[in-house]
Amino acid sequence: MSKAAGGAGSAPGPTAAAAAAAVQKQKSLLQKADADVSSLIDNFSSLINIARVNDPPVRNSQEAFQMEMRAARMVHSADSLLKLVSELKRTAIFSGLASLNENVDRRIEVLGQQAEGTERMLERIGQEAAASLKELEAHYYSSVVRSPPYD
């Protein structure tokens, strides 16, 4: 997994784009939470105001309908908040995984560099050993005190 190195003046990398997307998502989630909470509070306040006992039966049925409507809106707002909490949990889990993936990518890069360095060192050692072996062979074959050949 090799990554292209960005120099000065290069376009923002994936981490900058991810950070901008995270900030935008955070803003939208906060706006949604504010809207849901304010809707919940408004509907609860209206429900309490409507909950007065009145004598005329027509007014009571109108108020009962309004109470049902406000209660339904409160349930909708609460459900929306529950979905928001679930989305926030997923976001926290996935951002944790994204952080973990970044750490894994960095570790893979470091280990790849170490592997390249080790390969270069082994290649150099092999070349030095081959050169030393050639030198020793040349010295052995030019030596006067060689072992006699087998007949």
N, C-alpha and C. Protein backbone atom coordinates (compact mmCIF):
# COMPACT_ATOMS: atom_id res chain seq x y z
N MET A 1 0.83 -1.18 0.00
CA MET A 1 0.00 0.00 0.00
C MET A 1 0.88 1.24 0.00
N SER A 2 1.22 1.68 -1.15
CA SER A 2 2.06 2.87 -1.21
C SER A 2 1.19 4.08 -1.44
N LYS A 3 1.60 5.17 -0.83
CA LYS A 3 0.86 6.41 -0.97
C LYS A 3 1.77 7.42 -1.63
N ALA A 4 1.18 8.21 -2.52
CA ALA A 4 1.97 9.24 -3.18
C ALA A 4 2.21 10.37 -2.20
N ALA A 5 3.42 10.84 -2.17
CA ALA A 5 3.76 11.92 -1.25
C ALA A 5 3.36 13.24 -1.88
N GLY A 6 2.64 14.04 -1.11
CA GLY A 6 2.22 15.34 -1.62
C GLY A 6 3.20 16.40 -1.22
N GLY A 7 3.63 17.19 -2.17
CA GLY A 7 4.56 18.26 -1.86
C GLY A 7 3.83 19.54 -1.55
N ALA A 8 4.57 20.62 -1.46
CA ALA A 8 3.96 21.90 -1.20
C ALA A 8 3.13 22.32 -2.40
N GLY A 9 1.94 22.85 -2.11
CA GLY A 9 1.08 23.31 -3.18
C GLY A 9 0.22 22.20 -3.75
N SER A 10 0.28 20.99 -3.14
CA SER A 10 -0.55 19.92 -3.67
C SER A 10 -1.97 20.07 -3.13
N ALA A 11 -2.90 19.38 -3.76
CA ALA A 11 -4.30 19.46 -3.35
C ALA A 11 -4.45 18.83 -1.97
N PRO A 12 -5.51 19.24 -1.25
CA PRO A 12 -5.70 18.67 0.07
C PRO A 12 -5.85 17.16 -0.02
N GLY A 13 -5.26 16.46 0.92
CA GLY A 13 -5.28 15.01 0.90
C GLY A 13 -6.59 14.46 1.43
N PRO A 14 -6.67 13.15 1.46
CA PRO A 14 -7.90 12.53 1.93
C PRO A 14 -8.21 12.84 3.39
N THR A 15 -7.18 13.08 4.19
CA THR A 15 -7.44 13.40 5.59
C THR A 15 -8.08 14.78 5.72
N ALA A 16 -7.67 15.73 4.89
CA ALA A 16 -8.27 17.07 4.93
C ALA A 16 -9.72 17.00 4.46
N ALA A 17 -9.98 16.22 3.43
CA ALA A 17 -11.34 16.08 2.93
C ALA A 17 -12.20 15.37 3.97
N ALA A 18 -11.65 14.37 4.63
CA ALA A 18 -12.40 13.65 5.66
C ALA A 18 -12.69 14.57 6.85
N ALA A 19 -11.72 15.41 7.20
CA ALA A 19 -11.92 16.34 8.31
C ALA A 19 -13.01 17.35 7.97
N ALA A 20 -12.99 17.86 6.73
CA ALA A 20 -14.02 18.82 6.32
C ALA A 20 -15.39 18.15 6.31
N ALA A 21 -15.46 16.92 5.83
CA ALA A 21 -16.73 16.19 5.82
C ALA A 21 -17.21 15.94 7.24
N ALA A 22 -16.28 15.63 8.15
CA ALA A 22 -16.66 15.37 9.54
C ALA A 22 -17.20 16.64 10.19
N VAL A 23 -16.57 17.79 9.90
CA VAL A 23 -17.04 19.05 10.46
C VAL A 23 -18.43 19.37 9.93
N GLN A 24 -18.64 19.17 8.63
CA GLN A 24 -19.95 19.44 8.02
C GLN A 24 -21.00 18.51 8.62
N LYS A 25 -20.67 17.24 8.79
CA LYS A 25 -21.61 16.28 9.35
C LYS A 25 -21.93 16.64 10.80
N GLN A 26 -20.90 17.07 11.54
CA GLN A 26 -21.13 17.47 12.93
C GLN A 26 -22.08 18.65 13.00
N LYS A 27 -21.89 19.63 12.11
CA LYS A 27 -22.79 20.80 12.10
C LYS A 27 -24.22 20.38 11.79
N SER A 28 -24.38 19.51 10.80
CA SER A 28 -25.74 19.10 10.43
C SER A 28 -26.38 18.28 11.55
N LEU A 29 -25.59 17.43 12.23
CA LEU A 29 -26.14 16.65 13.34
C LEU A 29 -26.53 17.55 14.51
N LEU A 30 -25.71 18.55 14.79
CA LEU A 30 -26.04 19.49 15.86
C LEU A 30 -27.29 20.29 15.54
N GLN A 31 -27.43 20.72 14.28
CA GLN A 31 -28.64 21.45 13.86
C GLN A 31 -29.87 20.56 13.99
N LYS A 32 -29.74 19.31 13.57
CA LYS A 32 -30.86 18.38 13.66
C LYS A 32 -31.23 18.14 15.12
N ALA A 33 -30.23 17.96 15.98
CA ALA A 33 -30.50 17.75 17.40
C ALA A 33 -31.18 18.97 18.00
N ASP A 34 -30.70 20.17 17.67
CA ASP A 34 -31.34 21.40 18.17
C ASP A 34 -32.78 21.50 17.71
N ALA A 35 -33.03 21.21 16.43
CA ALA A 35 -34.39 21.29 15.90
C ALA A 35 -35.30 20.27 16.57
N ASP A 36 -34.81 19.05 16.78
CA ASP A 36 -35.63 18.01 17.42
C ASP A 36 -35.93 18.35 18.87
N VAL A 37 -34.93 18.83 19.59
CA VAL A 37 -35.14 19.18 21.00
C VAL A 37 -36.10 20.36 21.12
N SER A 38 -35.93 21.37 20.28
CA SER A 38 -36.85 22.52 20.35
C SER A 38 -38.27 22.10 19.96
N SER A 39 -38.41 21.21 18.98
CA SER A 39 -39.74 20.71 18.62
C SER A 39 -40.35 19.93 19.77
N LEU A 40 -39.56 19.12 20.43
CA LEU A 40 -40.03 18.35 21.58
C LEU A 40 -40.50 19.29 22.69
N ILE A 41 -39.73 20.32 22.97
CA ILE A 41 -40.09 21.27 24.03
C ILE A 41 -41.34 22.05 23.65
N ASP A 42 -41.42 22.54 22.41
CA ASP A 42 -42.59 23.30 21.97
C ASP A 42 -43.86 22.46 22.03
N ASN A 43 -43.78 21.23 21.56
CA ASN A 43 -44.96 20.37 21.57
C ASN A 43 -45.36 20.00 23.00
N PHE A 44 -44.38 19.78 23.88
CA PHE A 44 -44.69 19.47 25.27
C PHE A 44 -45.36 20.68 25.93
N SER A 45 -44.84 21.87 25.69
CA SER A 45 -45.44 23.09 26.25
C SER A 45 -46.87 23.26 25.76
N SER A 46 -47.08 23.07 24.47
CA SER A 46 -48.43 23.18 23.91
C SER A 46 -49.35 22.12 24.49
N LEU A 47 -48.85 20.93 24.68
CA LEU A 47 -49.64 19.84 25.25
C LEU A 47 -50.08 20.17 26.67
N ILE A 48 -49.19 20.76 27.44
CA ILE A 48 -49.52 21.15 28.81
C ILE A 48 -50.55 22.27 28.80
N ASN A 49 -50.41 23.25 27.90
CA ASN A 49 -51.37 24.35 27.82
C ASN A 49 -52.74 23.87 27.39
N ILE A 50 -52.80 22.90 26.52
CA ILE A 50 -54.07 22.40 26.02
C ILE A 50 -54.76 21.51 27.05
N ALA A 51 -54.02 20.93 27.94
CA ALA A 51 -54.53 19.93 28.86
C ALA A 51 -55.46 20.49 29.95
N ARG A 52 -55.97 21.69 29.82
CA ARG A 52 -56.91 22.26 30.79
C ARG A 52 -58.28 21.58 30.62
N VAL A 53 -59.00 21.47 31.68
CA VAL A 53 -60.35 20.89 31.61
C VAL A 53 -61.32 22.03 31.38
N ASN A 54 -62.13 21.91 30.30
CA ASN A 54 -63.13 22.93 29.96
C ASN A 54 -64.51 22.27 29.91
N ASP A 55 -65.53 23.09 30.05
CA ASP A 55 -66.89 22.57 30.07
C ASP A 55 -67.45 22.25 28.69
N PRO A 56 -67.30 23.14 27.69
CA PRO A 56 -67.97 22.84 26.41
C PRO A 56 -67.41 21.56 25.77
N PRO A 57 -68.28 20.61 25.37
CA PRO A 57 -67.80 19.36 24.80
C PRO A 57 -67.09 19.54 23.46
N VAL A 58 -67.51 20.54 22.67
CA VAL A 58 -66.86 20.77 21.37
C VAL A 58 -65.42 21.19 21.60
N ARG A 59 -65.23 22.08 22.54
CA ARG A 59 -63.87 22.55 22.83
C ARG A 59 -63.01 21.39 23.34
N ASN A 60 -63.57 20.54 24.17
CA ASN A 60 -62.81 19.39 24.68
C ASN A 60 -62.37 18.46 23.55
N SER A 61 -63.23 18.23 22.56
CA SER A 61 -62.84 17.35 21.45
C SER A 61 -61.77 18.01 20.58
N GLN A 62 -61.86 19.35 20.41
CA GLN A 62 -60.82 20.06 19.67
C GLN A 62 -59.49 19.96 20.40
N GLU A 63 -59.56 20.15 21.70
CA GLU A 63 -58.34 20.08 22.49
C GLU A 63 -57.78 18.66 22.51
N ALA A 64 -58.67 17.68 22.54
CA ALA A 64 -58.22 16.28 22.52
C ALA A 64 -57.49 16.01 21.20
N PHE A 65 -58.04 16.51 20.10
CA PHE A 65 -57.37 16.33 18.81
C PHE A 65 -56.02 17.02 18.80
N GLN A 66 -55.95 18.25 19.32
CA GLN A 66 -54.68 18.98 19.39
C GLN A 66 -53.68 18.24 20.28
N MET A 67 -54.17 17.67 21.38
CA MET A 67 -53.28 16.93 22.27
C MET A 67 -52.72 15.69 21.56
N GLU A 68 -53.59 15.00 20.81
CA GLU A 68 -53.11 13.84 20.06
C GLU A 68 -52.07 14.25 19.02
N MET A 69 -52.35 15.37 18.34
CA MET A 69 -51.41 15.86 17.32
C MET A 69 -50.07 16.24 17.96
N ARG A 70 -50.13 16.96 19.07
CA ARG A 70 -48.89 17.36 19.76
C ARG A 70 -48.13 16.14 20.29
N ALA A 71 -48.88 15.18 20.83
CA ALA A 71 -48.24 13.96 21.33
C ALA A 71 -47.58 13.20 20.19
N ALA A 72 -48.23 13.15 19.03
CA ALA A 72 -47.64 12.48 17.87
C ALA A 72 -46.37 13.19 17.42
N ARG A 73 -46.41 14.51 17.46
CA ARG A 73 -45.21 15.28 17.09
C ARG A 73 -44.09 15.05 18.10
N MET A 74 -44.45 14.94 19.38
CA MET A 74 -43.43 14.66 20.39
C MET A 74 -42.81 13.28 20.16
N VAL A 75 -43.65 12.30 19.84
CA VAL A 75 -43.15 10.96 19.56
C VAL A 75 -42.23 10.99 18.34
N HIS A 76 -42.63 11.75 17.32
CA HIS A 76 -41.80 11.87 16.12
C HIS A 76 -40.45 12.52 16.46
N SER A 77 -40.46 13.58 17.26
CA SER A 77 -39.22 14.25 17.65
C SER A 77 -38.34 13.33 18.49
N ALA A 78 -38.95 12.59 19.41
CA ALA A 78 -38.18 11.66 20.24
C ALA A 78 -37.58 10.55 19.39
N ASP A 79 -38.36 10.04 18.42
CA ASP A 79 -37.85 9.01 17.52
C ASP A 79 -36.69 9.56 16.69
N SER A 80 -36.82 10.79 16.24
CA SER A 80 -35.75 11.42 15.47
C SER A 80 -34.49 11.56 16.32
N LEU A 81 -34.65 11.92 17.59
CA LEU A 81 -33.50 12.02 18.48
C LEU A 81 -32.86 10.66 18.72
N LEU A 82 -33.68 9.61 18.85
CA LEU A 82 -33.13 8.27 19.02
C LEU A 82 -32.34 7.84 17.79
N LYS A 83 -32.84 8.17 16.61
CA LYS A 83 -32.10 7.86 15.38
C LYS A 83 -30.80 8.64 15.32
N LEU A 84 -30.85 9.89 15.79
CA LEU A 84 -29.65 10.72 15.83
C LEU A 84 -28.60 10.12 16.77
N VAL A 85 -29.05 9.64 17.92
CA VAL A 85 -28.12 9.01 18.87
C VAL A 85 -27.51 7.76 18.24
N SER A 86 -28.34 6.99 17.55
CA SER A 86 -27.82 5.79 16.88
C SER A 86 -26.80 6.16 15.82
N GLU A 87 -27.08 7.20 15.06
CA GLU A 87 -26.13 7.66 14.03
C GLU A 87 -24.83 8.15 14.65
N LEU A 88 -24.96 8.85 15.79
CA LEU A 88 -23.75 9.32 16.48
C LEU A 88 -22.93 8.14 16.99
N LYS A 89 -23.59 7.10 17.47
CA LYS A 89 -22.86 5.91 17.92
C LYS A 89 -22.13 5.27 16.75
N ARG A 90 -22.82 5.15 15.61
CA ARG A 90 -22.18 4.56 14.43
C ARG A 90 -21.00 5.42 14.00
N THR A 91 -21.18 6.72 14.02
CA THR A 91 -20.10 7.63 13.63
C THR A 91 -18.91 7.47 14.57
N ALA A 92 -19.18 7.35 15.86
CA ALA A 92 -18.09 7.18 16.82
C ALA A 92 -17.37 5.86 16.58
N ILE A 93 -18.13 4.83 16.28
CA ILE A 93 -17.50 3.53 16.02
C ILE A 93 -16.66 3.60 14.76
N PHE A 94 -17.24 4.15 13.68
CA PHE A 94 -16.52 4.18 12.42
C PHE A 94 -15.35 5.15 12.45
N SER A 95 -15.49 6.26 13.19
CA SER A 95 -14.34 7.16 13.27
C SER A 95 -13.24 6.50 14.08
N GLY A 96 -13.62 5.68 15.07
CA GLY A 96 -12.62 4.91 15.79
C GLY A 96 -11.94 3.92 14.88
N LEU A 97 -12.71 3.30 13.99
CA LEU A 97 -12.14 2.37 13.03
C LEU A 97 -11.27 3.12 12.02
N ALA A 98 -11.70 4.31 11.64
CA ALA A 98 -10.89 5.10 10.71
C ALA A 98 -9.55 5.45 11.35
N SER A 99 -9.58 5.81 12.62
CA SER A 99 -8.34 6.11 13.33
C SER A 99 -7.47 4.87 13.42
N LEU A 100 -8.11 3.73 13.69
CA LEU A 100 -7.37 2.48 13.73
C LEU A 100 -6.77 2.16 12.37
N ASN A 101 -7.53 2.38 11.31
CA ASN A 101 -7.03 2.14 9.96
C ASN A 101 -5.85 3.05 9.63
N GLU A 102 -5.91 4.30 10.08
CA GLU A 102 -4.80 5.22 9.86
C GLU A 102 -3.55 4.71 10.57
N ASN A 103 -3.71 4.23 11.80
CA ASN A 103 -2.57 3.70 12.54
C ASN A 103 -2.01 2.46 11.85
N VAL A 104 -2.89 1.60 11.35
CA VAL A 104 -2.44 0.40 10.63
C VAL A 104 -1.69 0.80 9.37
N ASP A 105 -2.23 1.78 8.63
CA ASP A 105 -1.56 2.24 7.40
C ASP A 105 -0.18 2.80 7.71
N ARG A 106 -0.08 3.60 8.79
CA ARG A 106 1.22 4.15 9.16
C ARG A 106 2.20 3.04 9.53
N ARG A 107 1.70 2.06 10.27
CA ARG A 107 2.57 0.94 10.69
C ARG A 107 3.02 0.13 9.47
N ILE A 108 2.10 -0.08 8.52
CA ILE A 108 2.45 -0.80 7.29
C ILE A 108 3.53 -0.04 6.54
N GLU A 109 3.41 1.27 6.47
CA GLU A 109 4.41 2.09 5.78
C GLU A 109 5.77 1.99 6.46
N VAL A 110 5.79 2.06 7.80
CA VAL A 110 7.04 1.97 8.54
C VAL A 110 7.67 0.60 8.33
N LEU A 111 6.86 -0.44 8.42
CA LEU A 111 7.39 -1.79 8.23
C LEU A 111 7.86 -2.00 6.80
N GLY A 112 7.19 -1.40 5.83
CA GLY A 112 7.64 -1.48 4.43
C GLY A 112 8.99 -0.83 4.25
N GLN A 113 9.19 0.32 4.90
CA GLN A 113 10.48 1.00 4.81
C GLN A 113 11.58 0.15 5.48
N GLN A 114 11.25 -0.47 6.61
CA GLN A 114 12.22 -1.33 7.27
C GLN A 114 12.56 -2.53 6.40
N ALA A 115 11.55 -3.08 5.73
CA ALA A 115 11.79 -4.24 4.85
C ALA A 115 12.69 -3.84 3.69
N GLU A 116 12.46 -2.66 3.10
CA GLU A 116 13.32 -2.19 2.01
C GLU A 116 14.75 -2.00 2.50
N GLY A 117 14.90 -1.41 3.68
CA GLY A 117 16.24 -1.21 4.24
C GLY A 117 16.94 -2.54 4.51
N THR A 118 16.19 -3.51 5.01
CA THR A 118 16.76 -4.84 5.26
C THR A 118 17.18 -5.51 3.97
N GLU A 119 16.34 -5.39 2.93
CA GLU A 119 16.69 -5.98 1.63
C GLU A 119 17.95 -5.35 1.06
N ARG A 120 18.08 -4.03 1.17
CA ARG A 120 19.29 -3.36 0.68
C ARG A 120 20.52 -3.83 1.46
N MET A 121 20.38 -3.97 2.78
CA MET A 121 21.49 -4.41 3.61
C MET A 121 21.89 -5.84 3.24
N LEU A 122 20.90 -6.72 3.06
CA LEU A 122 21.20 -8.10 2.68
C LEU A 122 21.86 -8.16 1.31
N GLU A 123 21.42 -7.33 0.39
CA GLU A 123 22.04 -7.30 -0.95
C GLU A 123 23.49 -6.84 -0.84
N ARG A 124 23.75 -5.82 -0.04
CA ARG A 124 25.11 -5.33 0.15
C ARG A 124 25.98 -6.40 0.80
N ILE A 125 25.46 -7.08 1.81
CA ILE A 125 26.22 -8.15 2.48
C ILE A 125 26.51 -9.27 1.50
N GLY A 126 25.54 -9.63 0.66
CA GLY A 126 25.77 -10.67 -0.35
C GLY A 126 26.84 -10.28 -1.34
N GLN A 127 26.84 -9.00 -1.78
CA GLN A 127 27.87 -8.54 -2.71
C GLN A 127 29.24 -8.56 -2.04
N GLU A 128 29.30 -8.12 -0.78
CA GLU A 128 30.58 -8.15 -0.06
C GLU A 128 31.07 -9.59 0.11
N ALA A 129 30.15 -10.51 0.42
CA ALA A 129 30.54 -11.92 0.59
C ALA A 129 31.03 -12.50 -0.73
N ALA A 130 30.37 -12.16 -1.84
CA ALA A 130 30.79 -12.65 -3.16
C ALA A 130 32.17 -12.10 -3.51
N ALA A 131 32.40 -10.82 -3.24
CA ALA A 131 33.71 -10.22 -3.52
C ALA A 131 34.79 -10.86 -2.66
N SER A 132 34.50 -11.08 -1.38
CA SER A 132 35.47 -11.72 -0.48
C SER A 132 35.75 -13.14 -0.93
N LEU A 133 34.71 -13.86 -1.36
CA LEU A 133 34.90 -15.24 -1.83
C LEU A 133 35.76 -15.28 -3.08
N LYS A 134 35.56 -14.34 -4.01
CA LYS A 134 36.39 -14.28 -5.22
C LYS A 134 37.84 -13.99 -4.85
N GLU A 135 38.02 -13.07 -3.91
CA GLU A 135 39.37 -12.73 -3.47
C GLU A 135 40.04 -13.94 -2.81
N LEU A 136 39.31 -14.65 -1.98
CA LEU A 136 39.87 -15.84 -1.33
C LEU A 136 40.17 -16.95 -2.35
N GLU A 137 39.28 -17.13 -3.35
CA GLU A 137 39.54 -18.13 -4.39
C GLU A 137 40.78 -17.77 -5.18
N ALA A 138 40.91 -16.49 -5.54
CA ALA A 138 42.09 -16.06 -6.29
C ALA A 138 43.35 -16.29 -5.46
N HIS A 139 43.28 -15.98 -4.20
CA HIS A 139 44.43 -16.19 -3.33
C HIS A 139 44.74 -17.69 -3.19
N TYR A 140 43.73 -18.50 -3.05
CA TYR A 140 43.93 -19.94 -2.90
C TYR A 140 44.54 -20.55 -4.16
N TYR A 141 43.99 -20.20 -5.32
CA TYR A 141 44.50 -20.80 -6.56
C TYR A 141 45.89 -20.27 -6.94
N SER A 142 46.24 -19.10 -6.48
CA SER A 142 47.58 -18.58 -6.78
C SER A 142 48.59 -19.00 -5.70
N SER A 143 48.13 -19.64 -4.68
CA SER A 143 49.01 -20.05 -3.59
C SER A 143 49.85 -21.25 -4.00
N VAL A 144 51.06 -21.35 -3.44
CA VAL A 144 51.97 -22.43 -3.72
C VAL A 144 51.62 -23.64 -2.83
N VAL A 145 51.10 -23.37 -1.68
CA VAL A 145 50.82 -24.42 -0.73
C VAL A 145 49.36 -24.86 -0.90
N ARG A 146 49.06 -25.40 -2.02
CA ARG A 146 47.71 -25.91 -2.26
C ARG A 146 47.71 -27.39 -1.94
N SER A 147 46.58 -27.91 -1.66
CA SER A 147 46.52 -29.35 -1.42
C SER A 147 46.68 -30.06 -2.75
N PRO A 148 47.32 -31.21 -2.74
CA PRO A 148 47.57 -31.90 -4.01
C PRO A 148 46.25 -32.38 -4.63
N PRO A 149 46.19 -32.43 -5.93
CA PRO A 149 44.95 -32.91 -6.57
C PRO A 149 44.80 -34.40 -6.34
N TYR A 150 43.58 -34.86 -6.26
CA TYR A 150 43.31 -36.29 -6.06
C TYR A 150 43.40 -37.01 -7.36
N ASP A 151 44.12 -38.14 -7.38
CA ASP A 151 44.26 -38.95 -8.60
C ASP A 151 43.38 -40.13 -8.59
